[in-house]
C-alpha atoms as a PDB file:
ATOM      1  CA  GLY A   1       5.919  71.112  11.327  1.00  0.00           C
ATOM      2  CA  ARG A   2       4.812  67.272  10.402  1.00  0.00           C
ATOM      3  CA  LEU A   3       4.559  66.574   6.821  1.00  0.00           C
ATOM      4  CA  LEU A   4       1.354  64.803   6.143  1.00  0.00           C
ATOM      5  CA  MET A   5       1.432  61.689   3.288  1.00  0.00           C
ATOM      6  CA  LYS A   6      -1.762  61.690   1.991  1.00  0.00           C
ATOM      7  CA  ASP A   7      -3.495  58.432   3.188  1.00  0.00           C
ATOM      8  CA  LYS A   8      -3.326  55.914   0.118  1.00  0.00           C
ATOM      9  CA  ILE A   9      -4.825  52.127  -0.062  1.00  0.00           C
ATOM     10  CA  THR A  10      -2.225  49.755   0.445  1.00  0.00           C
ATOM     11  CA  CYS A  11      -4.358  46.739  -0.245  1.00  0.00           C
ATOM     12  CA  PHE A  12      -7.899  46.164  -2.762  1.00  0.00           C
ATOM     13  CA  LYS A  13      -9.422  42.394  -1.248  1.00  0.00           C
ATOM     14  CA  LEU A  14     -12.935  41.424  -3.536  1.00  0.00           C
ATOM     15  CA  ASN A  15     -14.497  38.198  -1.879  1.00  0.00           C
ATOM     16  CA  TRP A  16     -17.159  37.267  -3.856  1.00  0.00           C
ATOM     17  CA  TYR A  17     -19.791  34.343  -2.124  1.00  0.00           C
ATOM     18  CA  ASP A  18     -22.528  31.656  -4.156  1.00  0.00           C
ATOM     19  CA  CYS A  19     -24.711  31.516  -0.776  1.00  0.00           C
ATOM     20  CA  GLY A  20     -27.163  29.023  -2.871  1.00  0.00           C
ATOM     21  CA  LEU A  21     -27.964  25.855  -2.187  1.00  0.00           C
ATOM     22  CA  CYS A  22     -24.728  23.846  -2.507  1.00  0.00           C
ATOM     23  CA  CYS A  23     -22.522  20.845  -0.684  1.00  0.00           C
ATOM     24  CA  ALA A  24     -20.215  22.131   1.694  1.00  0.00           C
ATOM     25  CA  ASP A  25     -17.451  20.326  -0.344  1.00  0.00           C
ATOM     26  CA  GLN A  26     -17.815  22.591  -3.347  1.00  0.00           C
ATOM     27  CA  MET A  27     -15.800  26.282  -4.368  1.00  0.00           C
ATOM     28  CA  VAL A  28     -18.173  28.826  -2.893  1.00  0.00           C
ATOM     29  CA  GLN A  29     -16.236  31.401  -1.858  1.00  0.00           C
ATOM     30  CA  GLU A  30     -13.862  33.603  -4.234  1.00  0.00           C
ATOM     31  CA  GLU A  31     -10.939  36.004  -3.066  1.00  0.00           C
ATOM     32  CA  ILE A  32      -8.822  38.369  -5.291  1.00  0.00           C
ATOM     33  CA  THR A  33      -6.749  40.470  -2.995  1.00  0.00           C
ATOM     34  CA  VAL A  34      -4.689  43.157  -4.874  1.00  0.00           C
ATOM     35  CA  TYR A  35      -1.274  44.351  -2.763  1.00  0.00           C
ATOM     36  CA  ARG A  36       0.054  47.396  -3.528  1.00  0.00           C
ATOM     37  CA  ASN A  37       4.035  47.774  -2.858  1.00  0.00           C
ATOM     38  CA  ASN A  38       4.489  43.911  -3.493  1.00  0.00           C
ATOM     39  CA  ASN A  39       2.742  44.412  -7.581  1.00  0.00           C
ATOM     40  CA  LEU A  40       0.801  41.005  -6.371  1.00  0.00           C
ATOM     41  CA  MET A  41      -2.689  39.668  -7.411  1.00  0.00           C
ATOM     42  CA  VAL A  42      -3.586  36.378  -5.057  1.00  0.00           C
ATOM     43  CA  PHE A  43      -6.285  34.404  -6.137  1.00  0.00           C
ATOM     44  CA  LYS A  44      -7.843  31.537  -4.189  1.00  0.00           C
ATOM     45  CA  GLU A  45     -10.521  29.485  -3.959  1.00  0.00           C
ATOM     46  CA  LEU A  46     -12.417  28.264  -1.099  1.00  0.00           C
ATOM     47  CA  ASN A  47     -14.597  25.454  -0.283  1.00  0.00           C
ATOM     48  CA  GLY A  48     -17.383  25.365   2.774  1.00  0.00           C
ATOM     49  CA  TYR A  49     -15.866  25.014   5.082  1.00  0.00           C
ATOM     50  CA  GLY A  50     -13.426  28.024   4.302  1.00  0.00           C
ATOM     51  CA  VAL A  51     -10.819  25.379   2.910  1.00  0.00           C
ATOM     52  CA  ILE A  52      -8.428  26.798  -0.151  1.00  0.00           C
ATOM     53  CA  CYS A  53      -9.030  24.440  -2.935  1.00  0.00           C
ATOM     54  CA  SER A  54      -6.891  26.568  -5.393  1.00  0.00           C
ATOM     55  CA  CYS A  55      -4.850  29.469  -5.332  1.00  0.00           C
ATOM     56  CA  GLU A  56      -2.421  31.595  -7.637  1.00  0.00           C
ATOM     57  CA  ILE A  57      -0.102  34.558  -7.544  1.00  0.00           C
ATOM     58  CA  ILE A  58      -0.127  36.534 -10.485  1.00  0.00           C
ATOM     59  CA  HIS A  59       2.741  39.355 -10.889  1.00  0.00           C
ATOM     60  CA  ILE A  60       1.967  42.934 -11.681  1.00  0.00           C
ATOM     61  CA  GLU A  61       3.605  45.556 -13.810  1.00  0.00           C
ATOM     62  CA  ARG A  62       4.180  48.346 -11.317  1.00  0.00           C
ATOM     63  CA  ASP A  63       2.495  51.052 -13.432  1.00  0.00           C
ATOM     64  CA  LYS A  64      -0.330  49.307 -13.571  1.00  0.00           C
ATOM     65  CA  VAL A  65      -1.048  48.452 -10.206  1.00  0.00           C
ATOM     66  CA  ALA A  66      -0.265  52.068  -9.682  1.00  0.00           C
ATOM     67  CA  LYS A  67      -3.037  53.547 -11.993  1.00  0.00           C
ATOM     68  CA  PHE A  68      -5.076  50.798 -10.378  1.00  0.00           C
ATOM     69  CA  PHE A  69      -5.054  52.310  -6.849  1.00  0.00           C
ATOM     70  CA  ASP A  70      -5.265  55.327  -8.056  1.00  0.00           C
ATOM     71  CA  PHE A  71      -8.243  54.799  -9.710  1.00  0.00           C
ATOM     72  CA  LEU A  72      -9.426  53.556  -6.840  1.00  0.00           C
ATOM     73  CA  GLU A  73      -8.331  56.440  -4.420  1.00  0.00           C
ATOM     74  CA  LYS A  74     -10.033  59.099  -6.862  1.00  0.00           C
ATOM     75  CA  THR A  75     -13.541  57.007  -7.524  1.00  0.00           C
ATOM     76  CA  CYS A  76     -14.226  54.666  -3.758  1.00  0.00           C
ATOM     77  CA  ASP A  77     -14.258  57.357  -1.315  1.00  0.00           C
ATOM     78  CA  GLU A  78     -17.574  58.213  -2.747  1.00  0.00           C
ATOM     79  CA  TRP A  79     -19.023  54.948  -1.878  1.00  0.00           C
ATOM     80  CA  GLU A  80     -21.389  53.418   0.574  1.00  0.00           C
ATOM     81  CA  SER A  81     -21.276  50.644   2.416  1.00  0.00           C
ATOM     82  CA  ASP A  82     -24.054  48.833   1.196  1.00  0.00           C
ATOM     83  CA  TYR A  83     -25.202  47.927  -2.008  1.00  0.00           C
ATOM     84  CA  LYS A  84     -27.503  44.775  -1.283  1.00  0.00           C
ATOM     85  CA  VAL A  85     -30.609  44.384  -3.462  1.00  0.00           C
ATOM     86  CA  GLU A  86     -32.442  41.604  -1.982  1.00  0.00           C
ATOM     87  CA  VAL A  87     -32.561  39.086  -4.295  1.00  0.00           C
ATOM     88  CA  CYS A  88     -33.149  34.933  -4.464  1.00  0.00           C
ATOM     89  CA  ASP A  89     -30.096  34.549  -7.227  1.00  0.00           C
ATOM     90  CA  GLY A  90     -28.034  33.396  -3.528  1.00  0.00           C
ATOM     91  CA  SER A  91     -24.487  35.248  -4.274  1.00  0.00           C
ATOM     92  CA  GLU A  92     -22.829  38.338  -2.633  1.00  0.00           C
ATOM     93  CA  TRP A  93     -20.093  40.381  -2.948  1.00  0.00           C
ATOM     94  CA  LYS A  94     -17.516  42.003  -0.571  1.00  0.00           C
ATOM     95  CA  VAL A  95     -14.737  44.856  -0.972  1.00  0.00           C
ATOM     96  CA  ARG A  96     -12.601  45.825   1.817  1.00  0.00           C
ATOM     97  CA  MET A  97      -9.762  48.686   1.071  1.00  0.00           C
ATOM     98  CA  TRP A  98      -6.653  48.883   3.794  1.00  0.00           C
ATOM     99  CA  HIS A  99      -5.724  52.344   3.852  1.00  0.00           C
ATOM    100  CA  SER A 100      -2.260  53.473   5.303  1.00  0.00           C
ATOM    101  CA  SER A 101      -3.857  55.153   7.787  1.00  0.00           C
ATOM    102  CA  HIS A 102      -4.869  51.698   8.352  1.00  0.00           C
ATOM    103  CA  LYS A 103      -8.391  52.595   7.799  1.00  0.00           C
ATOM    104  CA  VAL A 104     -10.393  49.608   6.050  1.00  0.00           C
ATOM    105  CA  LYS A 105     -13.436  50.677   4.706  1.00  0.00           C
ATOM    106  CA  THR A 106     -15.915  47.849   3.542  1.00  0.00           C
ATOM    107  CA  VAL A 107     -18.518  48.150   1.033  1.00  0.00           C
ATOM    108  CA  CYS A 108     -20.844  44.760  -0.150  1.00  0.00           C
ATOM    109  CA  GLY A 109     -23.370  44.005  -2.794  1.00  0.00           C
ATOM    110  CA  THR A 110     -25.234  41.452  -4.160  1.00  0.00           C
ATOM    111  CA  VAL A 111     -26.249  41.515  -8.278  1.00  0.00           C
ATOM    112  CA  GLU A 112     -25.227  45.452  -8.418  1.00  0.00           C
ATOM    113  CA  TYR A 113     -22.051  46.914  -9.104  1.00  0.00           C
ATOM    114  CA  PRO A 114     -20.921  49.477  -6.969  1.00  0.00           C
ATOM    115  CA  PRO A 115     -19.926  52.441  -8.477  1.00  0.00           C
ATOM    116  CA  ASN A 116     -16.866  52.020 -11.521  1.00  0.00           C
ATOM    117  CA  GLY A 117     -17.491  48.445 -10.390  1.00  0.00           C
ATOM    118  CA  LYS A 118     -16.911  47.107 -13.799  1.00  0.00           C
ATOM    119  CA  LYS A 119     -13.905  49.553 -14.910  1.00  0.00           C
ATOM    120  CA  ILE A 120     -12.430  47.959 -11.595  1.00  0.00           C
ATOM    121  CA  GLU A 121     -13.385  44.693 -12.937  1.00  0.00           C
ATOM    122  CA  LYS A 122     -11.448  45.571 -16.522  1.00  0.00           C
ATOM    123  CA  HIS A 123      -8.537  46.239 -14.414  1.00  0.00           C
ATOM    124  CA  LEU A 124      -8.783  43.011 -12.374  1.00  0.00           C
ATOM    125  CA  ARG A 125      -9.290  40.405 -15.876  1.00  0.00           C
ATOM    126  CA  SER A 126      -6.757  42.260 -17.714  1.00  0.00           C
ATOM    127  CA  PHE A 127      -3.948  41.735 -14.727  1.00  0.00           C
ATOM    128  CA  VAL A 128      -5.256  38.255 -15.278  1.00  0.00           C
ATOM    129  CA  VAL A 129      -4.776  38.432 -19.115  1.00  0.00           C
ATOM    130  CA  ASP A 130      -1.619  39.983 -18.637  1.00  0.00           C
ATOM    131  CA  ALA A 131      -0.188  37.036 -16.720  1.00  0.00           C
ATOM    132  CA  LYS A 132      -1.257  34.648 -19.284  1.00  0.00           C
ATOM    133  CA  SER A 133      -3.468  32.690 -16.506  1.00  0.00           C
ATOM    134  CA  LEU A 134      -6.111  30.732 -16.787  1.00  0.00           C
ATOM    135  CA  ILE A 135      -8.170  31.484 -14.205  1.00  0.00           C
ATOM    136  CA  GLU A 136     -11.812  32.825 -14.637  1.00  0.00           C
ATOM    137  CA  PRO A 137     -12.655  35.113 -11.956  1.00  0.00           C
ATOM    138  CA  LYS A 138     -16.423  35.459 -10.767  1.00  0.00           C
ATOM    139  CA  LEU A 139     -15.371  39.355  -9.296  1.00  0.00           C
ATOM    140  CA  PHE A 140     -18.343  40.862  -8.414  1.00  0.00           C
ATOM    141  CA  GLY A 141     -20.587  38.172 -10.081  1.00  0.00           C
ATOM    142  CA  CYS A 142     -22.955  40.813 -11.273  1.00  0.00           C
ATOM    143  CA  SER A 143     -22.771  40.132 -15.288  1.00  0.00           C
END
């Protein structure tokens, strides 16, 4: 018989976009990517042209990365694909999760967190604090 491996999330990406009125030169997008196998978080800020204005690579302890992805696997299966609420505040977020089966789950929203979104933010913020980084990510931008 074939050995069936559990489908695991291998990469988590959270993008935050400022969709308000601003100049294309300004920072209007933030991207946080956490890689399971590399124990890394990559933080990027981009302007309206999609050009990277700043980038920081944060190394994360292996057990913290494992806990984060275990948490995602337990909680994100029930997520809907759309948590957008009609608002004029002009920001939105998008989460993409890549799986070992090559499936990609995409979820978007505006001013409301997805289920357990605050706990996901807590994990991500702890990676930043542990690395003694000075970045202040917007994450879901809901707070």
